[in-house]
PDB file of N, CA and C in Angstrom:
ATOM      1  N   MET A   1     113.477 125.950 106.495  1.00  0.00           N
ATOM      2  CA  MET A   1     112.537 124.898 106.849  1.00  0.00           C
ATOM      3  C   MET A   1     112.806 123.688 105.956  1.00  0.00           C
ATOM      4  N   SER A   2     112.839 122.514 106.539  1.00  0.00           N
ATOM      5  CA  SER A   2     113.039 121.307 105.744  1.00  0.00           C
ATOM      6  C   SER A   2     111.751 120.980 104.994  1.00  0.00           C
ATOM      7  N   ILE A   3     111.885 120.153 103.988  1.00  0.00           N
ATOM      8  CA  ILE A   3     110.694 119.741 103.225  1.00  0.00           C
ATOM      9  C   ILE A   3     109.707 119.010 104.126  1.00  0.00           C
ATOM     10  N   PHE A   4     110.205 118.263 105.125  1.00  0.00           N
ATOM     11  CA  PHE A   4     109.309 117.543 106.011  1.00  0.00           C
ATOM     12  C   PHE A   4     108.505 118.491 106.888  1.00  0.00           C
ATOM     13  N   GLY A   5     109.034 119.652 107.153  1.00  0.00           N
ATOM     14  CA  GLY A   5     108.310 120.642 107.927  1.00  0.00           C
ATOM     15  C   GLY A   5     107.054 121.135 107.234  1.00  0.00           C
ATOM     16  N   LEU A   6     107.006 121.005 105.924  1.00  0.00           N
ATOM     17  CA  LEU A   6     105.833 121.429 105.165  1.00  0.00           C
ATOM     18  C   LEU A   6     104.602 120.605 105.517  1.00  0.00           C
ATOM     19  N   PHE A   7     104.797 119.387 106.009  1.00  0.00           N
ATOM     20  CA  PHE A   7     103.679 118.490 106.266  1.00  0.00           C
ATOM     21  C   PHE A   7     103.275 118.469 107.733  1.00  0.00           C
ATOM     22  N   ARG A   8     103.948 119.198 108.573  1.00  0.00           N
ATOM     23  CA  ARG A   8     103.662 119.158 110.004  1.00  0.00           C
ATOM     24  C   ARG A   8     102.281 119.716 110.345  1.00  0.00           C
ATOM     25  N   ASN A   9     101.713 120.550 109.478  1.00  0.00           N
ATOM     26  CA  ASN A   9     100.384 121.084 109.769  1.00  0.00           C
ATOM     27  C   ASN A   9      99.287 120.086 109.406  1.00  0.00           C
ATOM     28  N   ILE A  10      99.649 118.978 108.756  1.00  0.00           N
ATOM     29  CA  ILE A  10      98.704 117.920 108.449  1.00  0.00           C
ATOM     30  C   ILE A  10      98.725 116.936 109.612  1.00  0.00           C
ATOM     31  N   ASP A  11      97.563 116.662 110.190  1.00  0.00           N
ATOM     32  CA  ASP A  11      97.473 115.707 111.291  1.00  0.00           C
ATOM     33  C   ASP A  11      96.859 114.418 110.761  1.00  0.00           C
ATOM     34  N   ILE A  12      97.703 113.436 110.482  1.00  0.00           N
ATOM     35  CA  ILE A  12      97.228 112.178 109.917  1.00  0.00           C
ATOM     36  C   ILE A  12      96.183 111.521 110.815  1.00  0.00           C
ATOM     37  N   ASN A  13      96.288 111.715 112.114  1.00  0.00           N
ATOM     38  CA  ASN A  13      95.332 111.113 113.041  1.00  0.00           C
ATOM     39  C   ASN A  13      93.934 111.686 112.837  1.00  0.00           C
ATOM     40  N   GLU A  14      93.842 112.995 112.669  1.00  0.00           N
ATOM     41  CA  GLU A  14      92.554 113.633 112.392  1.00  0.00           C
ATOM     42  C   GLU A  14      92.041 113.246 111.010  1.00  0.00           C
ATOM     43  N   GLU A  15      92.954 113.142 110.051  1.00  0.00           N
ATOM     44  CA  GLU A  15      92.555 112.792 108.684  1.00  0.00           C
ATOM     45  C   GLU A  15      92.041 111.351 108.602  1.00  0.00           C
ATOM     46  N   VAL A  16      92.617 110.442 109.382  1.00  0.00           N
ATOM     47  CA  VAL A  16      92.114 109.063 109.408  1.00  0.00           C
ATOM     48  C   VAL A  16      90.703 109.045 110.000  1.00  0.00           C
ATOM     49  N   LYS A  17      90.445 109.883 110.992  1.00  0.00           N
ATOM     50  CA  LYS A  17      89.082 109.997 111.534  1.00  0.00           C
ATOM     51  C   LYS A  17      88.117 110.477 110.447  1.00  0.00           C
ATOM     52  N   LYS A  18      88.543 111.453 109.648  1.00  0.00           N
ATOM     53  CA  LYS A  18      87.709 111.941 108.548  1.00  0.00           C
ATOM     54  C   LYS A  18      87.466 110.838 107.516  1.00  0.00           C
ATOM     55  N   TYR A  19      88.520 110.054 107.240  1.00  0.00           N
ATOM     56  CA  TYR A  19      88.366 108.917 106.326  1.00  0.00           C
ATOM     57  C   TYR A  19      87.261 107.991 106.825  1.00  0.00           C
ATOM     58  N   HIS A  20      87.309 107.631 108.109  1.00  0.00           N
ATOM     59  CA  HIS A  20      86.306 106.727 108.672  1.00  0.00           C
ATOM     60  C   HIS A  20      84.902 107.328 108.624  1.00  0.00           C
ATOM     61  N   ALA A  21      84.797 108.635 108.671  1.00  0.00           N
ATOM     62  CA  ALA A  21      83.494 109.307 108.661  1.00  0.00           C
ATOM     63  C   ALA A  21      82.974 109.598 107.248  1.00  0.00           C
ATOM     64  N   THR A  22      83.775 109.285 106.228  1.00  0.00           N
ATOM     65  CA  THR A  22      83.398 109.594 104.844  1.00  0.00           C
ATOM     66  C   THR A  22      82.948 108.317 104.136  1.00  0.00           C
ATOM     67  N   PRO A  23      81.660 108.225 103.809  1.00  0.00           N
ATOM     68  CA  PRO A  23      81.172 107.022 103.131  1.00  0.00           C
ATOM     69  C   PRO A  23      81.904 106.780 101.807  1.00  0.00           C
ATOM     70  N   ASP A  24      82.238 105.520 101.578  1.00  0.00           N
ATOM     71  CA  ASP A  24      82.866 105.062 100.322  1.00  0.00           C
ATOM     72  C   ASP A  24      84.256 105.639 100.067  1.00  0.00           C
ATOM     73  N   ALA A  25      84.874 106.231 101.067  1.00  0.00           N
ATOM     74  CA  ALA A  25      86.232 106.779 100.898  1.00  0.00           C
ATOM     75  C   ALA A  25      87.248 105.639 100.848  1.00  0.00           C
ATOM     76  N   ILE A  26      88.408 105.945 100.281  1.00  0.00           N
ATOM     77  CA  ILE A  26      89.520 105.002 100.175  1.00  0.00           C
ATOM     78  C   ILE A  26      90.705 105.578 100.953  1.00  0.00           C
ATOM     79  N   LEU A  27      91.382 104.715 101.696  1.00  0.00           N
ATOM     80  CA  LEU A  27      92.618 105.085 102.378  1.00  0.00           C
ATOM     81  C   LEU A  27      93.745 104.424 101.597  1.00  0.00           C
ATOM     82  N   LEU A  28      94.603 105.224 101.002  1.00  0.00           N
ATOM     83  CA  LEU A  28      95.629 104.740 100.085  1.00  0.00           C
ATOM     84  C   LEU A  28      97.024 104.964 100.646  1.00  0.00           C
ATOM     85  N   ASP A  29      97.778 103.877 100.778  1.00  0.00           N
ATOM     86  CA  ASP A  29      99.176 103.897 101.224  1.00  0.00           C
ATOM     87  C   ASP A  29     100.037 103.803  99.972  1.00  0.00           C
ATOM     88  N   VAL A  30     100.889 104.810  99.732  1.00  0.00           N
ATOM     89  CA  VAL A  30     101.708 104.822  98.517  1.00  0.00           C
ATOM     90  C   VAL A  30     103.174 104.465  98.783  1.00  0.00           C
ATOM     91  N   ARG A  31     103.449 103.859  99.942  1.00  0.00           N
ATOM     92  CA  ARG A  31     104.801 103.375 100.220  1.00  0.00           C
ATOM     93  C   ARG A  31     105.052 102.099  99.406  1.00  0.00           C
ATOM     94  N   THR A  32     106.267 101.596  99.459  1.00  0.00           N
ATOM     95  CA  THR A  32     106.587 100.361  98.752  1.00  0.00           C
ATOM     96  C   THR A  32     105.808  99.197  99.359  1.00  0.00           C
ATOM     97  N   LYS A  33     105.718  98.114  98.601  1.00  0.00           N
ATOM     98  CA  LYS A  33     105.037  96.919  99.100  1.00  0.00           C
ATOM     99  C   LYS A  33     105.703  96.391 100.371  1.00  0.00           C
ATOM    100  N   GLU A  34     107.034  96.481 100.434  1.00  0.00           N
ATOM    101  CA  GLU A  34     107.763  96.012 101.616  1.00  0.00           C
ATOM    102  C   GLU A  34     107.428  96.873 102.837  1.00  0.00           C
ATOM    103  N   GLU A  35     107.387  98.185 102.643  1.00  0.00           N
ATOM    104  CA  GLU A  35     107.020  99.073 103.757  1.00  0.00           C
ATOM    105  C   GLU A  35     105.599  98.779 104.225  1.00  0.00           C
ATOM    106  N   TYR A  36     104.687  98.587 103.276  1.00  0.00           N
ATOM    107  CA  TYR A  36     103.292  98.299 103.598  1.00  0.00           C
ATOM    108  C   TYR A  36     103.178  97.025 104.431  1.00  0.00           C
ATOM    109  N   LYS A  37     103.917  95.993 104.022  1.00  0.00           N
ATOM    110  CA  LYS A  37     103.881  94.714 104.745  1.00  0.00           C
ATOM    111  C   LYS A  37     104.458  94.835 106.147  1.00  0.00           C
ATOM    112  N   SER A  38     105.334  95.813 106.379  1.00  0.00           N
ATOM    113  CA  SER A  38     105.944  95.969 107.699  1.00  0.00           C
ATOM    114  C   SER A  38     105.018  96.668 108.693  1.00  0.00           C
ATOM    115  N   GLY A  39     103.895  97.186 108.219  1.00  0.00           N
ATOM    116  CA  GLY A  39     102.920  97.834 109.089  1.00  0.00           C
ATOM    117  C   GLY A  39     102.208  98.947 108.359  1.00  0.00           C
ATOM    118  N   HIS A  40     100.873  98.919 108.381  1.00  0.00           N
ATOM    119  CA  HIS A  40     100.073  99.934 107.691  1.00  0.00           C
ATOM    120  C   HIS A  40      98.813 100.221 108.496  1.00  0.00           C
ATOM    121  N   ILE A  41      98.104 101.246 108.093  1.00  0.00           N
ATOM    122  CA  ILE A  41      96.869 101.628 108.770  1.00  0.00           C
ATOM    123  C   ILE A  41      95.756 100.690 108.308  1.00  0.00           C
ATOM    124  N   SER A  42      95.018 100.156 109.252  1.00  0.00           N
ATOM    125  CA  SER A  42      93.935  99.222 108.958  1.00  0.00           C
ATOM    126  C   SER A  42      92.955  99.828 107.957  1.00  0.00           C
ATOM    127  N   GLY A  43      92.589  99.026 106.980  1.00  0.00           N
ATOM    128  CA  GLY A  43      91.625  99.456 105.974  1.00  0.00           C
ATOM    129  C   GLY A  43      92.254 100.076 104.745  1.00  0.00           C
ATOM    130  N   SER A  44      93.569 100.310 104.788  1.00  0.00           N
ATOM    131  CA  SER A  44      94.224 100.941 103.646  1.00  0.00           C
ATOM    132  C   SER A  44      94.500  99.922 102.545  1.00  0.00           C
ATOM    133  N   ILE A  45      94.621 100.439 101.325  1.00  0.00           N
ATOM    134  CA  ILE A  45      95.100  99.635 100.208  1.00  0.00           C
ATOM    135  C   ILE A  45      96.456 100.191  99.813  1.00  0.00           C
ATOM    136  N   ASN A  46      97.247  99.389  99.122  1.00  0.00           N
ATOM    137  CA  ASN A  46      98.602  99.791  98.776  1.00  0.00           C
ATOM    138  C   ASN A  46      98.784  99.858  97.273  1.00  0.00           C
ATOM    139  N   ILE A  47      99.155 101.031  96.805  1.00  0.00           N
ATOM    140  CA  ILE A  47      99.627 101.227  95.440  1.00  0.00           C
ATOM    141  C   ILE A  47     100.871 102.106  95.575  1.00  0.00           C
ATOM    142  N   PRO A  48     102.057 101.524  95.398  1.00  0.00           N
ATOM    143  CA  PRO A  48     103.274 102.330  95.532  1.00  0.00           C
ATOM    144  C   PRO A  48     103.255 103.521  94.568  1.00  0.00           C
ATOM    145  N   VAL A  49     103.826 104.633  94.998  1.00  0.00           N
ATOM    146  CA  VAL A  49     103.811 105.848  94.186  1.00  0.00           C
ATOM    147  C   VAL A  49     104.369 105.601  92.789  1.00  0.00           C
ATOM    148  N   ASP A  50     105.370 104.730  92.666  1.00  0.00           N
ATOM    149  CA  ASP A  50     105.942 104.448  91.349  1.00  0.00           C
ATOM    150  C   ASP A  50     104.985 103.675  90.448  1.00  0.00           C
ATOM    151  N   ASP A  51     103.933 103.098  91.032  1.00  0.00           N
ATOM    152  CA  ASP A  51     102.931 102.345  90.270  1.00  0.00           C
ATOM    153  C   ASP A  51     101.582 103.058  90.265  1.00  0.00           C
ATOM    154  N   ILE A  52     101.561 104.342  90.551  1.00  0.00           N
ATOM    155  CA  ILE A  52     100.298 105.051  90.770  1.00  0.00           C
ATOM    156  C   ILE A  52      99.371 105.030  89.553  1.00  0.00           C
ATOM    157  N   LEU A  53      99.896 104.814  88.364  1.00  0.00           N
ATOM    158  CA  LEU A  53      99.020 104.736  87.190  1.00  0.00           C
ATOM    159  C   LEU A  53      98.070 103.548  87.272  1.00  0.00           C
ATOM    160  N   GLU A  54      98.398 102.547  88.098  1.00  0.00           N
ATOM    161  CA  GLU A  54      97.510 101.404  88.316  1.00  0.00           C
ATOM    162  C   GLU A  54      96.223 101.806  89.027  1.00  0.00           C
ATOM    163  N   ILE A  55      96.193 102.997  89.554  1.00  0.00           N
ATOM    164  CA  ILE A  55      95.021 103.436  90.315  1.00  0.00           C
ATOM    165  C   ILE A  55      93.753 103.406  89.468  1.00  0.00           C
ATOM    166  N   GLU A  56      93.891 103.658  88.183  1.00  0.00           N
ATOM    167  CA  GLU A  56      92.699 103.673  87.334  1.00  0.00           C
ATOM    168  C   GLU A  56      92.071 102.287  87.217  1.00  0.00           C
ATOM    169  N   ASP A  57      92.862 101.236  87.386  1.00  0.00           N
ATOM    170  CA  ASP A  57      92.317  99.880  87.393  1.00  0.00           C
ATOM    171  C   ASP A  57      91.655  99.556  88.725  1.00  0.00           C
ATOM    172  N   LYS A  58      92.211 100.074  89.809  1.00  0.00           N
ATOM    173  CA  LYS A  58      91.723  99.739  91.147  1.00  0.00           C
ATOM    174  C   LYS A  58      90.644 100.690  91.658  1.00  0.00           C
ATOM    175  N   ILE A  59      90.727 101.955  91.254  1.00  0.00           N
ATOM    176  CA  ILE A  59      89.737 102.960  91.674  1.00  0.00           C
ATOM    177  C   ILE A  59      89.307 103.724  90.416  1.00  0.00           C
ATOM    178  N   PRO A  60      88.385 103.157  89.639  1.00  0.00           N
ATOM    179  CA  PRO A  60      88.017 103.782  88.362  1.00  0.00           C
ATOM    180  C   PRO A  60      87.201 105.077  88.499  1.00  0.00           C
ATOM    181  N   ASP A  61      86.502 105.255  89.633  1.00  0.00           N
ATOM    182  CA  ASP A  61      85.672 106.447  89.821  1.00  0.00           C
ATOM    183  C   ASP A  61      86.550 107.627  90.244  1.00  0.00           C
ATOM    184  N   HIS A  62      86.693 108.590  89.372  1.00  0.00           N
ATOM    185  CA  HIS A  62      87.562 109.745  89.626  1.00  0.00           C
ATOM    186  C   HIS A  62      86.978 110.723  90.646  1.00  0.00           C
ATOM    187  N   ASP A  63      85.746 110.481  91.088  1.00  0.00           N
ATOM    188  CA  ASP A  63      85.130 111.334  92.109  1.00  0.00           C
ATOM    189  C   ASP A  63      85.271 110.765  93.522  1.00  0.00           C
ATOM    190  N   THR A  64      85.820 109.573  93.646  1.00  0.00           N
ATOM    191  CA  THR A  64      85.996 108.937  94.953  1.00  0.00           C
ATOM    192  C   THR A  64      86.890 109.793  95.845  1.00  0.00           C
ATOM    193  N   MET A  65      86.516 109.905  97.118  1.00  0.00           N
ATOM    194  CA  MET A  65      87.359 110.593  98.093  1.00  0.00           C
ATOM    195  C   MET A  65      88.488 109.644  98.478  1.00  0.00           C
ATOM    196  N   ILE A  66      89.740 110.073  98.232  1.00  0.00           N
ATOM    197  CA  ILE A  66      90.907 109.229  98.481  1.00  0.00           C
ATOM    198  C   ILE A  66      91.862 109.955  99.429  1.00  0.00           C
ATOM    199  N   PHE A  67      92.091 109.345 100.589  1.00  0.00           N
ATOM    200  CA  PHE A  67      93.006 109.868 101.591  1.00  0.00           C
ATOM    201  C   PHE A  67      94.342 109.150 101.386  1.00  0.00           C
ATOM    202  N   VAL A  68      95.393 109.891 101.047  1.00  0.00           N
ATOM    203  CA  VAL A  68      96.669 109.312 100.639  1.00  0.00           C
ATOM    204  C   VAL A  68      97.747 109.587 101.690  1.00  0.00           C
ATOM    205  N   TYR A  69      98.449 108.519 102.085  1.00  0.00           N
ATOM    206  CA  TYR A  69      99.561 108.689 103.022  1.00  0.00           C
ATOM    207  C   TYR A  69     100.772 107.874 102.570  1.00  0.00           C
ATOM    208  N   CYS A  70     101.922 108.197 103.158  1.00  0.00           N
ATOM    209  CA  CYS A  70     103.166 107.456 102.919  1.00  0.00           C
ATOM    210  C   CYS A  70     103.929 107.430 104.243  1.00  0.00           C
ATOM    211  N   HIS A  71     105.233 107.526 104.193  1.00  0.00           N
ATOM    212  CA  HIS A  71     106.020 107.543 105.433  1.00  0.00           C
ATOM    213  C   HIS A  71     106.017 108.932 106.078  1.00  0.00           C
ATOM    214  N   SER A  72     106.344 109.965 105.277  1.00  0.00           N
ATOM    215  CA  SER A  72     106.467 111.315 105.833  1.00  0.00           C
ATOM    216  C   SER A  72     105.521 112.338 105.200  1.00  0.00           C
ATOM    217  N   GLY A  73     104.935 112.013 104.066  1.00  0.00           N
ATOM    218  CA  GLY A  73     104.044 112.940 103.363  1.00  0.00           C
ATOM    219  C   GLY A  73     104.536 113.335 101.990  1.00  0.00           C
ATOM    220  N   ASN A  74     105.828 113.167 101.720  1.00  0.00           N
ATOM    221  CA  ASN A  74     106.390 113.599 100.445  1.00  0.00           C
ATOM    222  C   ASN A  74     105.889 112.748  99.273  1.00  0.00           C
ATOM    223  N   ARG A  75     105.954 111.429  99.401  1.00  0.00           N
ATOM    224  CA  ARG A  75     105.458 110.565  98.323  1.00  0.00           C
ATOM    225  C   ARG A  75     103.951 110.707  98.152  1.00  0.00           C
ATOM    226  N   ALA A  76     103.250 110.929  99.249  1.00  0.00           N
ATOM    227  CA  ALA A  76     101.800 111.132  99.156  1.00  0.00           C
ATOM    228  C   ALA A  76     101.501 112.387  98.338  1.00  0.00           C
ATOM    229  N   ARG A  77     102.281 113.435  98.538  1.00  0.00           N
ATOM    230  CA  ARG A  77     102.094 114.664  97.754  1.00  0.00           C
ATOM    231  C   ARG A  77     102.319 114.388  96.273  1.00  0.00           C
ATOM    232  N   ARG A  78     103.391 113.654  95.955  1.00  0.00           N
ATOM    233  CA  ARG A  78     103.683 113.327  94.556  1.00  0.00           C
ATOM    234  C   ARG A  78     102.564 112.483  93.948  1.00  0.00           C
ATOM    235  N   ALA A  79     102.072 111.521  94.721  1.00  0.00           N
ATOM    236  CA  ALA A  79     100.987 110.662  94.237  1.00  0.00           C
ATOM    237  C   ALA A  79      99.727 111.471  93.975  1.00  0.00           C
ATOM    238  N   VAL A  80      99.379 112.364  94.894  1.00  0.00           N
ATOM    239  CA  VAL A  80      98.184 113.200  94.715  1.00  0.00           C
ATOM    240  C   VAL A  80      98.338 114.081  93.478  1.00  0.00           C
ATOM    241  N   ASP A  81      99.518 114.645  93.268  1.00  0.00           N
ATOM    242  CA  ASP A  81      99.754 115.456  92.068  1.00  0.00           C
ATOM    243  C   ASP A  81      99.513 114.640  90.801  1.00  0.00           C
ATOM    244  N   LYS A  82     100.033 113.408  90.767  1.00  0.00           N
ATOM    245  CA  LYS A  82      99.838 112.546  89.600  1.00  0.00           C
ATOM    246  C   LYS A  82      98.372 112.171  89.432  1.00  0.00           C
ATOM    247  N   MET A  83      97.712 111.880  90.541  1.00  0.00           N
ATOM    248  CA  MET A  83      96.301 111.508  90.489  1.00  0.00           C
ATOM    249  C   MET A  83      95.453 112.658  89.956  1.00  0.00           C
ATOM    250  N   LYS A  84      95.765 113.865  90.363  1.00  0.00           N
ATOM    251  CA  LYS A  84      95.019 115.024  89.865  1.00  0.00           C
ATOM    252  C   LYS A  84      95.237 115.201  88.360  1.00  0.00           C
ATOM    253  N   MET A  85      96.456 114.907  87.895  1.00  0.00           N
ATOM    254  CA  MET A  85      96.723 114.969  86.459  1.00  0.00           C
ATOM    255  C   MET A  85      95.898 113.923  85.706  1.00  0.00           C
ATOM    256  N   LEU A  86      95.601 112.806  86.373  1.00  0.00           N
ATOM    257  CA  LEU A  86      94.772 111.761  85.773  1.00  0.00           C
ATOM    258  C   LEU A  86      93.282 112.076  85.865  1.00  0.00           C
ATOM    259  N   GLY A  87      92.930 113.134  86.587  1.00  0.00           N
ATOM    260  CA  GLY A  87      91.532 113.537  86.685  1.00  0.00           C
ATOM    261  C   GLY A  87      90.836 113.200  87.984  1.00  0.00           C
ATOM    262  N   TYR A  88      91.585 112.711  88.983  1.00  0.00           N
ATOM    263  CA  TYR A  88      90.972 112.445  90.283  1.00  0.00           C
ATOM    264  C   TYR A  88      90.745 113.778  90.989  1.00  0.00           C
ATOM    265  N   LYS A  89      89.497 114.013  91.378  1.00  0.00           N
ATOM    266  CA  LYS A  89      89.113 115.315  91.920  1.00  0.00           C
ATOM    267  C   LYS A  89      89.234 115.410  93.441  1.00  0.00           C
ATOM    268  N   ASN A  90      89.205 114.271  94.123  1.00  0.00           N
ATOM    269  CA  ASN A  90      89.123 114.279  95.586  1.00  0.00           C
ATOM    270  C   ASN A  90      90.243 113.494  96.252  1.00  0.00           C
ATOM    271  N   ALA A  91      91.442 113.600  95.722  1.00  0.00           N
ATOM    272  CA  ALA A  91      92.604 112.956  96.342  1.00  0.00           C
ATOM    273  C   ALA A  91      93.243 113.957  97.295  1.00  0.00           C
ATOM    274  N   LYS A  92      93.585 113.482  98.488  1.00  0.00           N
ATOM    275  CA  LYS A  92      94.088 114.375  99.531  1.00  0.00           C
ATOM    276  C   LYS A  92      95.285 113.764 100.228  1.00  0.00           C
ATOM    277  N   ASN A  93      96.372 114.508 100.313  1.00  0.00           N
ATOM    278  CA  ASN A  93      97.560 114.095 101.057  1.00  0.00           C
ATOM    279  C   ASN A  93      97.274 114.269 102.543  1.00  0.00           C
ATOM    280  N   ILE A  94      97.345 113.149 103.289  1.00  0.00           N
ATOM    281  CA  ILE A  94      97.094 113.250 104.729  1.00  0.00           C
ATOM    282  C   ILE A  94      98.367 113.071 105.556  1.00  0.00           C
ATOM    283  N   GLY A  95      99.520 113.085 104.889  1.00  0.00           N
ATOM    284  CA  GLY A  95     100.781 113.067 105.619  1.00  0.00           C
ATOM    285  C   GLY A  95     101.418 111.703 105.717  1.00  0.00           C
ATOM    286  N   GLY A  96     102.149 111.492 106.823  1.00  0.00           N
ATOM    287  CA  GLY A  96     102.952 110.287 106.962  1.00  0.00           C
ATOM    288  C   GLY A  96     102.598 109.424 108.144  1.00  0.00           C
ATOM    289  N   ILE A  97     102.727 108.132 107.929  1.00  0.00           N
ATOM    290  CA  ILE A  97     102.450 107.145 108.975  1.00  0.00           C
ATOM    291  C   ILE A  97     103.403 107.310 110.159  1.00  0.00           C
ATOM    292  N   VAL A  98     104.529 107.956 109.938  1.00  0.00           N
ATOM    293  CA  VAL A  98     105.486 108.199 111.016  1.00  0.00           C
ATOM    294  C   VAL A  98     104.822 108.969 112.168  1.00  0.00           C
ATOM    295  N   ASP A  99     103.799 109.759 111.873  1.00  0.00           N
ATOM    296  CA  ASP A  99     103.097 110.548 112.895  1.00  0.00           C
ATOM    297  C   ASP A  99     101.793 109.897 113.358  1.00  0.00           C
ATOM    298  N   TYR A 100     101.464 108.738 112.815  1.00  0.00           N
ATOM    299  CA  TYR A 100     100.200 108.074 113.158  1.00  0.00           C
ATOM    300  C   TYR A 100     100.299 107.431 114.546  1.00  0.00           C
ATOM    301  N   LYS A 101      99.315 107.709 115.386  1.00  0.00           N
ATOM    302  CA  LYS A 101      99.344 107.216 116.757  1.00  0.00           C
ATOM    303  C   LYS A 101      98.457 105.976 116.968  1.00  0.00           C
ATOM    304  N   GLY A 102      97.704 105.620 115.948  1.00  0.00           N
ATOM    305  CA  GLY A 102      96.814 104.460 116.068  1.00  0.00           C
ATOM    306  C   GLY A 102      97.556 103.148 115.834  1.00  0.00           C
ATOM    307  N   LEU A 103      96.794 102.071 115.875  1.00  0.00           N
ATOM    308  CA  LEU A 103      97.327 100.741 115.694  1.00  0.00           C
ATOM    309  C   LEU A 103      97.701 100.510 114.229  1.00  0.00           C
ATOM    310  N   LYS A 104      98.851  99.928 114.012  1.00  0.00           N
ATOM    311  CA  LYS A 104      99.288  99.552 112.670  1.00  0.00           C
ATOM    312  C   LYS A 104      99.153  98.041 112.558  1.00  0.00           C
ATOM    313  N   VAL A 105      98.656  97.577 111.415  1.00  0.00           N
ATOM    314  CA  VAL A 105      98.502  96.148 111.207  1.00  0.00           C
ATOM    315  C   VAL A 105      99.581  95.639 110.260  1.00  0.00           C
ATOM    316  N   LEU A 106      99.901  94.360 110.398  1.00  0.00           N
ATOM    317  CA  LEU A 106     100.909  93.732 109.532  1.00  0.00           C
ATOM    318  C   LEU A 106     100.246  92.959 108.431  1.00  0.00           C
TER     319      LEU A 106
END
């Protein structure tokens, strides 16, 4: 099984619905700034995985529900792992935008 196959059981479309239904939740795109500018999910904020330590400046509450996505799910997993090491309790990898069926904004 490829590493990308590990994320196939995550349905980003369902997870975005959960994000919308969760008060005060954050939708976090951890792709590069260039990827984000080329199209992202409406309402998301961008902190590239390589800059994830900046999250403490942008989202200081470690109890915030954070739905994390990237292109395929791999960077989102890495970001969530780092966030948990920083003490974020509710960070969740929701997979990759490659599988997102909704509208992407520029």
